[in-house]
Amino acid sequence: MKSLLAGSLFALLLVCGCGAGMQESTSEPRSASHEIAETPPANSNQPPLPNRKIVCTAEVDLVVEDFEPVQGKIDATLGKFGAFVAHSNVSGSAGSPRRGEWVIRVPVENYRELLAAARELGETRSVRSDSRDVTEEYYDVEARIRNKRQEEDRLLKLLETAAGSLKDVLEIERELSRVREEIERMQGRLRVLEDITELSTITLRVEEVKDFVPPQTATYATRVRRTFEESLGTLVKTVQSATLVVIALAPWAAVLAVVGLPVFAGVKLRNAARRRAAR
């Protein structure tokens, strides 16, 4: 009896141990599979996004009271952002309203900063900006160039191994010339796209206006100063105009004096003779 009880107890312990071992062995794969499901794959098959090719342009119209220091300010501002002037046109002269236009090329990463700095060169009259995405066209031209390169290589290999008539060789050369011409044309377009996307364009126009009063930015002190300057300028112009009139009449006054004095003297003498005769 004791031996039977001991054998039953041993069998029960053996079953419990096996059940615990099975539970432990099955729980580890379950946790591992759960961990793998939550971890994203290290290598993704999604292609990287291409660099965007954006054409940025802007036009800035400014008004200044003194045009003289404008060029120096523009040069100093462009030096900070690695920009340069592609074209400029300045008209007018000292003493009369002057105006200028500068076409500025700036690296695209400094476009926004330079646009903000350009607006600080004077009082803003208007600002117009535009952006155009040419990414699709850029990479399409690149792909077409690669395809044409492959076509060129095939034609070159065919030309090297050509054993036919002279007519066949000339036909291959004509096709090769056509393919190369297309490649050059597409490369030219690609260079244009690279230029206008790597360097943005800002057209800056500055006009000298002495009495310009912006709708919101002018303070009371500025308006008082400008009113005084305008009145003083009007007075100076009036005096100058009157002086010019006097100078213009001076020769005529001399002519009238030479011609009129004998006539005046004759009239006076005649009147004196009449008075004497009357007495």
C-alpha atoms as a PDB file:
ATOM      1  CA  MET A   1       0.000   0.000   0.000  1.00  0.00           C
ATOM      2  CA  LYS A   2       2.762   2.392   0.881  1.00  0.00           C
ATOM      3  CA  SER A   3       4.555   1.542  -2.298  1.00  0.00           C
ATOM      4  CA  LEU A   4       1.389   2.203  -4.322  1.00  0.00           C
ATOM      5  CA  LEU A   5       0.850   5.552  -2.609  1.00  0.00           C
ATOM      6  CA  ALA A   6       4.450   6.557  -3.208  1.00  0.00           C
ATOM      7  CA  GLY A   7       4.174   5.579  -6.881  1.00  0.00           C
ATOM      8  CA  SER A   8       1.004   7.659  -7.293  1.00  0.00           C
ATOM      9  CA  LEU A   9       2.604  10.686  -5.638  1.00  0.00           C
ATOM     10  CA  PHE A  10       5.664  10.369  -7.872  1.00  0.00           C
ATOM     11  CA  ALA A  11       3.473  10.166 -10.976  1.00  0.00           C
ATOM     12  CA  LEU A  12       1.499  13.264  -9.875  1.00  0.00           C
ATOM     13  CA  LEU A  13       4.681  15.269  -9.334  1.00  0.00           C
ATOM     14  CA  LEU A  14       5.979  14.147 -12.715  1.00  0.00           C
ATOM     15  CA  VAL A  15       2.788  15.300 -14.481  1.00  0.00           C
ATOM     16  CA  CYS A  16       2.835  18.690 -12.746  1.00  0.00           C
ATOM     17  CA  GLY A  17       6.486  19.215 -13.680  1.00  0.00           C
ATOM     18  CA  CYS A  18       5.863  18.397 -17.307  1.00  0.00           C
ATOM     19  CA  GLY A  19       2.858  20.735 -17.426  1.00  0.00           C
ATOM     20  CA  ALA A  20       4.885  23.611 -15.984  1.00  0.00           C
ATOM     21  CA  GLY A  21       7.691  22.926 -18.444  1.00  0.00           C
ATOM     22  CA  MET A  22       5.280  22.939 -21.344  1.00  0.00           C
ATOM     23  CA  GLN A  23       3.737  26.216 -20.186  1.00  0.00           C
ATOM     24  CA  GLU A  24       7.139  27.863 -19.924  1.00  0.00           C
ATOM     25  CA  SER A  25       8.274  26.568 -23.279  1.00  0.00           C
ATOM     26  CA  THR A  26       5.114  27.820 -25.014  1.00  0.00           C
ATOM     27  CA  SER A  27       5.035  31.237 -23.319  1.00  0.00           C
ATOM     28  CA  GLU A  28       8.452  32.337 -24.609  1.00  0.00           C
ATOM     29  CA  PRO A  29       7.672  31.995 -28.330  1.00  0.00           C
ATOM     30  CA  ARG A  30       4.403  33.824 -27.787  1.00  0.00           C
ATOM     31  CA  SER A  31       6.137  36.842 -26.260  1.00  0.00           C
ATOM     32  CA  ALA A  32       8.839  36.747 -28.911  1.00  0.00           C
ATOM     33  CA  SER A  33       6.308  36.718 -31.722  1.00  0.00           C
ATOM     34  CA  HIS A  34       4.444  39.618 -30.139  1.00  0.00           C
ATOM     35  CA  GLU A  35       7.692  41.588 -29.878  1.00  0.00           C
ATOM     36  CA  ILE A  36       8.532  40.973 -33.552  1.00  0.00           C
ATOM     37  CA  ALA A  37       5.090  42.073 -34.657  1.00  0.00           C
ATOM     38  CA  GLU A  38       5.462  45.454 -32.930  1.00  0.00           C
ATOM     39  CA  THR A  39       9.020  46.163 -34.175  1.00  0.00           C
ATOM     40  CA  PRO A  40       9.110  47.831 -37.623  1.00  0.00           C
ATOM     41  CA  PRO A  41      11.403  46.333 -40.250  1.00  0.00           C
ATOM     42  CA  ALA A  42      14.881  47.773 -40.380  1.00  0.00           C
ATOM     43  CA  ASN A  43      15.142  47.900 -44.184  1.00  0.00           C
ATOM     44  CA  SER A  44      12.182  49.516 -45.905  1.00  0.00           C
ATOM     45  CA  ASN A  45      11.529  48.952 -49.598  1.00  0.00           C
ATOM     46  CA  GLN A  46       9.996  52.415 -50.048  1.00  0.00           C
ATOM     47  CA  PRO A  47      12.127  54.648 -52.354  1.00  0.00           C
ATOM     48  CA  PRO A  48      13.455  57.894 -50.817  1.00  0.00           C
ATOM     49  CA  LEU A  49      11.637  61.068 -51.702  1.00  0.00           C
ATOM     50  CA  PRO A  50      13.452  63.127 -54.371  1.00  0.00           C
ATOM     51  CA  ASN A  51      14.781  66.578 -53.630  1.00  0.00           C
ATOM     52  CA  ARG A  52      12.141  69.098 -54.538  1.00  0.00           C
ATOM     53  CA  LYS A  53      13.025  71.486 -57.350  1.00  0.00           C
ATOM     54  CA  ILE A  54      11.277  74.794 -56.702  1.00  0.00           C
ATOM     55  CA  VAL A  55      11.611  77.952 -58.795  1.00  0.00           C
ATOM     56  CA  CYS A  56      11.248  80.975 -56.491  1.00  0.00           C
ATOM     57  CA  THR A  57      10.864  84.522 -57.823  1.00  0.00           C
ATOM     58  CA  ALA A  58       9.900  87.807 -56.201  1.00  0.00           C
ATOM     59  CA  GLU A  59       9.452  91.477 -57.084  1.00  0.00           C
ATOM     60  CA  VAL A  60       9.968  94.175 -54.447  1.00  0.00           C
ATOM     61  CA  ASP A  61       9.058  97.841 -55.019  1.00  0.00           C
ATOM     62  CA  LEU A  62      10.515 100.287 -52.494  1.00  0.00           C
ATOM     63  CA  VAL A  63      10.440 104.036 -51.952  1.00  0.00           C
ATOM     64  CA  VAL A  64      13.321 105.990 -50.415  1.00  0.00           C
ATOM     65  CA  GLU A  65      13.799 109.670 -49.644  1.00  0.00           C
ATOM     66  CA  ASP A  66      17.516 109.666 -50.470  1.00  0.00           C
ATOM     67  CA  PHE A  67      18.694 107.507 -53.361  1.00  0.00           C
ATOM     68  CA  GLU A  68      22.408 108.113 -52.825  1.00  0.00           C
ATOM     69  CA  PRO A  69      23.179 105.373 -50.228  1.00  0.00           C
ATOM     70  CA  VAL A  70      20.951 102.727 -51.835  1.00  0.00           C
ATOM     71  CA  GLN A  71      23.679 101.054 -53.907  1.00  0.00           C
ATOM     72  CA  GLY A  72      25.976 100.682 -50.901  1.00  0.00           C
ATOM     73  CA  LYS A  73      23.196  99.167 -48.800  1.00  0.00           C
ATOM     74  CA  ILE A  74      22.337  96.696 -51.552  1.00  0.00           C
ATOM     75  CA  ASP A  75      25.971  95.584 -51.905  1.00  0.00           C
ATOM     76  CA  ALA A  76      26.297  95.075 -48.145  1.00  0.00           C
ATOM     77  CA  THR A  77      23.048  93.101 -47.985  1.00  0.00           C
ATOM     78  CA  LEU A  78      23.961  90.837 -50.899  1.00  0.00           C
ATOM     79  CA  GLY A  79      27.323  90.029 -49.322  1.00  0.00           C
ATOM     80  CA  LYS A  80      25.601  88.580 -46.251  1.00  0.00           C
ATOM     81  CA  PHE A  81      23.607  86.022 -48.242  1.00  0.00           C
ATOM     82  CA  GLY A  82      26.000  85.050 -51.023  1.00  0.00           C
ATOM     83  CA  ALA A  83      23.895  86.808 -53.669  1.00  0.00           C
ATOM     84  CA  PHE A  84      24.944  88.809 -56.716  1.00  0.00           C
ATOM     85  CA  VAL A  85      23.452  91.296 -59.176  1.00  0.00           C
ATOM     86  CA  ALA A  86      22.755  89.760 -62.585  1.00  0.00           C
ATOM     87  CA  HIS A  87      21.465  92.989 -64.126  1.00  0.00           C
ATOM     88  CA  SER A  88      20.950  96.575 -62.974  1.00  0.00           C
ATOM     89  CA  ASN A  89      19.595  99.804 -64.407  1.00  0.00           C
ATOM     90  CA  VAL A  90      19.743 103.206 -62.674  1.00  0.00           C
ATOM     91  CA  SER A  91      18.227 106.333 -64.182  1.00  0.00           C
ATOM     92  CA  GLY A  92      17.934 109.967 -63.108  1.00  0.00           C
ATOM     93  CA  SER A  93      20.472 112.427 -61.772  1.00  0.00           C
ATOM     94  CA  ALA A  94      21.192 114.394 -58.613  1.00  0.00           C
ATOM     95  CA  GLY A  95      18.573 117.058 -58.046  1.00  0.00           C
ATOM     96  CA  SER A  96      15.831 115.069 -59.776  1.00  0.00           C
ATOM     97  CA  PRO A  97      13.985 111.914 -58.711  1.00  0.00           C
ATOM     98  CA  ARG A  98      16.072 108.829 -59.377  1.00  0.00           C
ATOM     99  CA  ARG A  99      15.079 105.195 -59.710  1.00  0.00           C
ATOM    100  CA  GLY A 100      16.865 101.893 -60.094  1.00  0.00           C
ATOM    101  CA  GLU A 101      16.195  98.249 -60.808  1.00  0.00           C
ATOM    102  CA  TRP A 102      18.384  95.318 -59.736  1.00  0.00           C
ATOM    103  CA  VAL A 103      17.874  91.686 -60.770  1.00  0.00           C
ATOM    104  CA  ILE A 104      19.394  89.670 -57.919  1.00  0.00           C
ATOM    105  CA  ARG A 105      20.298  85.953 -57.907  1.00  0.00           C
ATOM    106  CA  VAL A 106      20.533  84.299 -54.509  1.00  0.00           C
ATOM    107  CA  PRO A 107      21.008  80.660 -53.381  1.00  0.00           C
ATOM    108  CA  VAL A 108      17.594  79.130 -52.774  1.00  0.00           C
ATOM    109  CA  GLU A 109      18.378  78.416 -49.106  1.00  0.00           C
ATOM    110  CA  ASN A 110      18.891  82.169 -48.509  1.00  0.00           C
ATOM    111  CA  TYR A 111      15.927  83.331 -50.573  1.00  0.00           C
ATOM    112  CA  ARG A 112      13.536  84.055 -47.694  1.00  0.00           C
ATOM    113  CA  GLU A 113      16.158  85.810 -45.597  1.00  0.00           C
ATOM    114  CA  LEU A 114      17.283  88.058 -48.452  1.00  0.00           C
ATOM    115  CA  LEU A 115      13.686  88.878 -49.363  1.00  0.00           C
ATOM    116  CA  ALA A 116      13.052  90.024 -45.793  1.00  0.00           C
ATOM    117  CA  ALA A 117      16.300  92.021 -45.730  1.00  0.00           C
ATOM    118  CA  ALA A 118      15.509  93.694 -49.069  1.00  0.00           C
ATOM    119  CA  ARG A 119      12.264  95.051 -47.666  1.00  0.00           C
ATOM    120  CA  GLU A 120      14.252  96.859 -44.978  1.00  0.00           C
ATOM    121  CA  LEU A 121      16.145  98.961 -47.533  1.00  0.00           C
ATOM    122  CA  GLY A 122      13.251 101.401 -47.861  1.00  0.00           C
ATOM    123  CA  GLU A 123       9.531 101.835 -47.418  1.00  0.00           C
ATOM    124  CA  THR A 124       7.658  98.976 -49.028  1.00  0.00           C
ATOM    125  CA  ARG A 125       5.274  99.908 -51.794  1.00  0.00           C
ATOM    126  CA  SER A 126       4.494  96.367 -52.968  1.00  0.00           C
ATOM    127  CA  VAL A 127       5.875  92.825 -52.740  1.00  0.00           C
ATOM    128  CA  ARG A 128       5.002  90.008 -55.139  1.00  0.00           C
ATOM    129  CA  SER A 129       6.397  86.473 -54.796  1.00  0.00           C
ATOM    130  CA  ASP A 130       5.835  83.252 -56.702  1.00  0.00           C
ATOM    131  CA  SER A 131       7.021  79.642 -56.522  1.00  0.00           C
ATOM    132  CA  ARG A 132       6.756  76.900 -59.138  1.00  0.00           C
ATOM    133  CA  ASP A 133       7.454  73.198 -58.632  1.00  0.00           C
ATOM    134  CA  VAL A 134       9.470  71.714 -61.524  1.00  0.00           C
ATOM    135  CA  THR A 135      10.484  68.501 -59.735  1.00  0.00           C
ATOM    136  CA  GLU A 136       8.570  66.238 -62.112  1.00  0.00           C
ATOM    137  CA  GLU A 137      10.009  67.906 -65.200  1.00  0.00           C
ATOM    138  CA  TYR A 138      13.556  67.839 -63.790  1.00  0.00           C
ATOM    139  CA  TYR A 139      13.615  64.106 -63.029  1.00  0.00           C
ATOM    140  CA  ASP A 140      11.758  63.307 -66.230  1.00  0.00           C
ATOM    141  CA  VAL A 141      14.486  65.029 -68.251  1.00  0.00           C
ATOM    142  CA  GLU A 142      17.136  63.157 -66.255  1.00  0.00           C
ATOM    143  CA  ALA A 143      15.455  59.828 -67.017  1.00  0.00           C
ATOM    144  CA  ARG A 144      15.149  60.645 -70.707  1.00  0.00           C
ATOM    145  CA  ILE A 145      18.845  61.515 -70.843  1.00  0.00           C
ATOM    146  CA  ARG A 146      19.732  58.133 -69.302  1.00  0.00           C
ATOM    147  CA  ASN A 147      17.571  56.338 -71.847  1.00  0.00           C
ATOM    148  CA  LYS A 148      19.162  58.246 -74.693  1.00  0.00           C
ATOM    149  CA  ARG A 149      22.612  57.410 -73.333  1.00  0.00           C
ATOM    150  CA  GLN A 150      21.723  53.737 -73.460  1.00  0.00           C
ATOM    151  CA  GLU A 151      20.465  54.133 -77.009  1.00  0.00           C
ATOM    152  CA  GLU A 152      23.711  55.886 -77.912  1.00  0.00           C
ATOM    153  CA  ASP A 153      25.755  53.000 -76.469  1.00  0.00           C
ATOM    154  CA  ARG A 154      23.759  50.458 -78.465  1.00  0.00           C
ATOM    155  CA  LEU A 155      24.284  52.416 -81.664  1.00  0.00           C
ATOM    156  CA  LEU A 156      28.019  52.701 -80.988  1.00  0.00           C
ATOM    157  CA  LYS A 157      28.307  48.918 -80.463  1.00  0.00           C
ATOM    158  CA  LEU A 158      26.261  48.323 -83.597  1.00  0.00           C
ATOM    159  CA  LEU A 159      28.526  50.693 -85.527  1.00  0.00           C
ATOM    160  CA  GLU A 160      31.642  48.872 -84.302  1.00  0.00           C
ATOM    161  CA  THR A 161      30.330  45.478 -85.361  1.00  0.00           C
ATOM    162  CA  ALA A 162      28.643  46.606 -88.570  1.00  0.00           C
ATOM    163  CA  ALA A 163      29.774  44.505 -91.485  1.00  0.00           C
ATOM    164  CA  GLY A 164      27.131  45.532 -93.972  1.00  0.00           C
ATOM    165  CA  SER A 165      27.130  47.993 -96.795  1.00  0.00           C
ATOM    166  CA  LEU A 166      28.105  51.635 -96.662  1.00  0.00           C
ATOM    167  CA  LYS A 167      24.413  52.541 -96.685  1.00  0.00           C
ATOM    168  CA  ASP A 168      23.866  50.669 -93.419  1.00  0.00           C
ATOM    169  CA  VAL A 169      26.849  52.406 -91.794  1.00  0.00           C
ATOM    170  CA  LEU A 170      25.595  55.845 -92.867  1.00  0.00           C
ATOM    171  CA  GLU A 171      22.135  55.054 -91.534  1.00  0.00           C
ATOM    172  CA  ILE A 172      23.585  54.119 -88.135  1.00  0.00           C
ATOM    173  CA  GLU A 173      25.647  57.317 -88.071  1.00  0.00           C
ATOM    174  CA  ARG A 174      22.564  59.420 -88.847  1.00  0.00           C
ATOM    175  CA  GLU A 175      20.684  57.792 -85.994  1.00  0.00           C
ATOM    176  CA  LEU A 176      23.666  58.326 -83.716  1.00  0.00           C
ATOM    177  CA  SER A 177      23.798  62.018 -84.665  1.00  0.00           C
ATOM    178  CA  ARG A 178      20.083  62.415 -83.990  1.00  0.00           C
ATOM    179  CA  VAL A 179      20.355  60.760 -80.577  1.00  0.00           C
ATOM    180  CA  ARG A 180      23.312  62.942 -79.579  1.00  0.00           C
ATOM    181  CA  GLU A 181      21.473  66.068 -80.687  1.00  0.00           C
ATOM    182  CA  GLU A 182      18.522  65.117 -78.503  1.00  0.00           C
ATOM    183  CA  ILE A 183      20.855  64.463 -75.585  1.00  0.00           C
ATOM    184  CA  GLU A 184      22.462  67.905 -75.956  1.00  0.00           C
ATOM    185  CA  ARG A 185      19.074  69.593 -76.134  1.00  0.00           C
ATOM    186  CA  MET A 186      17.837  67.813 -73.000  1.00  0.00           C
ATOM    187  CA  GLN A 187      21.092  68.565 -71.192  1.00  0.00           C
ATOM    188  CA  GLY A 188      20.590  72.244 -71.986  1.00  0.00           C
ATOM    189  CA  ARG A 189      17.102  72.135 -70.516  1.00  0.00           C
ATOM    190  CA  LEU A 190      18.443  70.328 -67.446  1.00  0.00           C
ATOM    191  CA  ARG A 191      21.085  73.036 -66.933  1.00  0.00           C
ATOM    192  CA  VAL A 192      18.385  75.704 -67.126  1.00  0.00           C
ATOM    193  CA  LEU A 193      16.282  73.884 -64.526  1.00  0.00           C
ATOM    194  CA  GLU A 194      19.312  73.491 -62.258  1.00  0.00           C
ATOM    195  CA  ASP A 195      20.131  77.184 -62.557  1.00  0.00           C
ATOM    196  CA  ILE A 196      16.648  78.498 -61.793  1.00  0.00           C
ATOM    197  CA  THR A 197      16.140  76.068 -58.897  1.00  0.00           C
ATOM    198  CA  GLU A 198      19.546  76.487 -57.259  1.00  0.00           C
ATOM    199  CA  LEU A 199      19.463  80.305 -57.565  1.00  0.00           C
ATOM    200  CA  SER A 200      16.263  82.227 -56.874  1.00  0.00           C
ATOM    201  CA  THR A 201      15.563  85.567 -58.545  1.00  0.00           C
ATOM    202  CA  ILE A 202      14.539  88.777 -56.768  1.00  0.00           C
ATOM    203  CA  THR A 203      13.807  91.900 -58.802  1.00  0.00           C
ATOM    204  CA  LEU A 204      14.332  94.959 -56.609  1.00  0.00           C
ATOM    205  CA  ARG A 205      12.976  98.335 -57.738  1.00  0.00           C
ATOM    206  CA  VAL A 206      13.768 101.487 -55.765  1.00  0.00           C
ATOM    207  CA  GLU A 207      12.323 104.930 -56.489  1.00  0.00           C
ATOM    208  CA  GLU A 208      13.268 108.228 -54.887  1.00  0.00           C
ATOM    209  CA  VAL A 209      10.162 110.102 -53.714  1.00  0.00           C
ATOM    210  CA  LYS A 210      10.657 113.033 -51.355  1.00  0.00           C
ATOM    211  CA  ASP A 211       7.065 113.409 -50.206  1.00  0.00           C
ATOM    212  CA  PHE A 212       5.972 109.772 -50.193  1.00  0.00           C
ATOM    213  CA  VAL A 213       3.724 109.002 -47.228  1.00  0.00           C
ATOM    214  CA  PRO A 214       2.907 105.311 -46.752  1.00  0.00           C
ATOM    215  CA  PRO A 215      -0.633 104.583 -45.549  1.00  0.00           C
ATOM    216  CA  GLN A 216       0.297 103.168 -42.133  1.00  0.00           C
ATOM    217  CA  THR A 217       3.997 103.275 -41.386  1.00  0.00           C
ATOM    218  CA  ALA A 218       4.603 107.047 -41.323  1.00  0.00           C
ATOM    219  CA  THR A 219       4.595 108.568 -37.824  1.00  0.00           C
ATOM    220  CA  TYR A 220       3.425 112.067 -36.931  1.00  0.00           C
ATOM    221  CA  ALA A 221       6.998 113.321 -36.648  1.00  0.00           C
ATOM    222  CA  THR A 222       7.743 111.914 -40.102  1.00  0.00           C
ATOM    223  CA  ARG A 223       4.704 113.642 -41.585  1.00  0.00           C
ATOM    224  CA  VAL A 224       5.687 116.962 -39.952  1.00  0.00           C
ATOM    225  CA  ARG A 225       9.220 116.683 -41.276  1.00  0.00           C
ATOM    226  CA  ARG A 226       8.025 115.783 -44.759  1.00  0.00           C
ATOM    227  CA  THR A 227       5.483 118.632 -44.780  1.00  0.00           C
ATOM    228  CA  PHE A 228       8.179 121.132 -43.809  1.00  0.00           C
ATOM    229  CA  GLU A 229      10.555 119.723 -46.418  1.00  0.00           C
ATOM    230  CA  GLU A 230       7.818 119.853 -49.059  1.00  0.00           C
ATOM    231  CA  SER A 231       6.985 123.478 -48.203  1.00  0.00           C
ATOM    232  CA  LEU A 232      10.657 124.435 -48.187  1.00  0.00           C
ATOM    233  CA  GLY A 233      11.149 122.670 -51.499  1.00  0.00           C
ATOM    234  CA  THR A 234       8.198 124.542 -53.001  1.00  0.00           C
ATOM    235  CA  LEU A 235       9.635 127.863 -51.761  1.00  0.00           C
ATOM    236  CA  VAL A 236      13.044 127.068 -53.231  1.00  0.00           C
ATOM    237  CA  LYS A 237      11.482 126.098 -56.548  1.00  0.00           C
ATOM    238  CA  THR A 238       9.429 129.316 -56.600  1.00  0.00           C
ATOM    239  CA  VAL A 239      12.485 131.485 -55.930  1.00  0.00           C
ATOM    240  CA  GLN A 240      14.433 129.597 -58.569  1.00  0.00           C
ATOM    241  CA  SER A 241      11.621 130.031 -61.099  1.00  0.00           C
ATOM    242  CA  ALA A 242      11.368 133.767 -60.357  1.00  0.00           C
ATOM    243  CA  THR A 243      15.130 134.146 -60.713  1.00  0.00           C
ATOM    244  CA  LEU A 244      15.035 132.338 -64.029  1.00  0.00           C
ATOM    245  CA  VAL A 245      12.245 134.644 -65.230  1.00  0.00           C
ATOM    246  CA  VAL A 246      14.306 137.712 -64.281  1.00  0.00           C
ATOM    247  CA  ILE A 247      17.374 136.306 -66.031  1.00  0.00           C
ATOM    248  CA  ALA A 248      15.308 135.471 -69.100  1.00  0.00           C
ATOM    249  CA  LEU A 249      13.864 139.050 -69.242  1.00  0.00           C
ATOM    250  CA  ALA A 250      17.228 140.785 -68.729  1.00  0.00           C
ATOM    251  CA  PRO A 251      18.248 140.769 -72.428  1.00  0.00           C
ATOM    252  CA  TRP A 252      14.820 142.011 -73.456  1.00  0.00           C
ATOM    253  CA  ALA A 253      15.039 144.815 -70.880  1.00  0.00           C
ATOM    254  CA  ALA A 254      18.347 145.952 -72.372  1.00  0.00           C
ATOM    255  CA  VAL A 255      16.823 145.953 -75.876  1.00  0.00           C
ATOM    256  CA  LEU A 256      13.790 147.874 -74.675  1.00  0.00           C
ATOM    257  CA  ALA A 257      16.049 150.424 -72.935  1.00  0.00           C
ATOM    258  CA  VAL A 258      18.087 151.055 -76.071  1.00  0.00           C
ATOM    259  CA  VAL A 259      15.014 151.355 -78.280  1.00  0.00           C
ATOM    260  CA  GLY A 260      12.657 152.973 -75.836  1.00  0.00           C
ATOM    261  CA  LEU A 261      14.862 155.728 -74.384  1.00  0.00           C
ATOM    262  CA  PRO A 262      14.999 157.819 -77.621  1.00  0.00           C
ATOM    263  CA  VAL A 263      11.260 157.417 -78.091  1.00  0.00           C
ATOM    264  CA  PHE A 264      10.619 158.381 -74.492  1.00  0.00           C
ATOM    265  CA  ALA A 265      12.948 161.404 -74.796  1.00  0.00           C
ATOM    266  CA  GLY A 266      11.219 162.532 -78.003  1.00  0.00           C
ATOM    267  CA  VAL A 267       7.795 162.295 -76.398  1.00  0.00           C
ATOM    268  CA  LYS A 268       8.979 164.308 -73.418  1.00  0.00           C
ATOM    269  CA  LEU A 269      10.459 167.009 -75.655  1.00  0.00           C
ATOM    270  CA  ARG A 270       7.296 167.248 -77.717  1.00  0.00           C
ATOM    271  CA  ASN A 271       5.117 167.587 -74.639  1.00  0.00           C
ATOM    272  CA  ALA A 272       7.409 170.304 -73.284  1.00  0.00           C
ATOM    273  CA  ALA A 273       7.233 172.205 -76.609  1.00  0.00           C
ATOM    274  CA  ARG A 274       3.434 172.034 -76.562  1.00  0.00           C
ATOM    275  CA  ARG A 275       3.319 173.392 -73.019  1.00  0.00           C
ATOM    276  CA  ARG A 276       5.575 176.303 -73.991  1.00  0.00           C
ATOM    277  CA  ALA A 277       3.472 177.088 -77.067  1.00  0.00           C
ATOM    278  CA  ALA A 278       0.333 177.009 -74.989  1.00  0.00           C
ATOM    279  CA  ARG A 279       1.751 179.533 -72.571  1.00  0.00           C
END
